[in-house]
Amino acid sequence: MNKALFLLAGLVVLLGVVLYFGQADNQGGPVGSNSALPQVADFNTNIASVSSKALVRAGAARVLAVRATNEAPSVRYFQLFNLATTSAGFSTGKTPELIITLPAASSTASPSITTLGSDFFSPAIAFRQGLVWTISSVEGSYASASVNPGKHDITVIYQAGSF
């Protein structure tokens, strides 16, 4: 998939998230409030270089939007865990907070693309310990044995802080 197109789509999702929180006034906060706009950080990686899991944040975070692609010829599961580590055995006995089915691709040139924005994450889903995502071949648990990390691109847009 064209990286420029992927990044453009991520920016469109990010713009939608920022618009969801309202327009900023000249004080740096949403119109009609005294609070500052949320600090939004974009975590975008091709998991070919980091395997089939990633620690997005070791600390509280709220997920605002997700975009995941699947070039594999079989279904994969994008999962978000409320954890602050990806060390060995990190997911043993843990249930993902969110599981998103990524449909099989019709071909490498036509990956399945799943985008969930503020319409889905409203209100945002809070992860109090930390935020870890995985790509798995098994729904509900982390099983990377049959996952080819180079077949997925992941974007997670989140707000950092304590909730």
Foldseek 3Di string as FASTA:
>chain_A
DDVVVVVVVVVVQVVVLQVVLADADPQQPHPPDDDHRFDKDKDWDQCLPVAFKDFPWQFKKWWFKKKKWFQAQAKKKKFKALARDDPPPRCPVHWTPDIDIAGGAPHNVGIGMDIDGNVNCVPTDMRGRGIMIGIDPDPGGHDRPPPNSNRMIMMTMIGDDHD
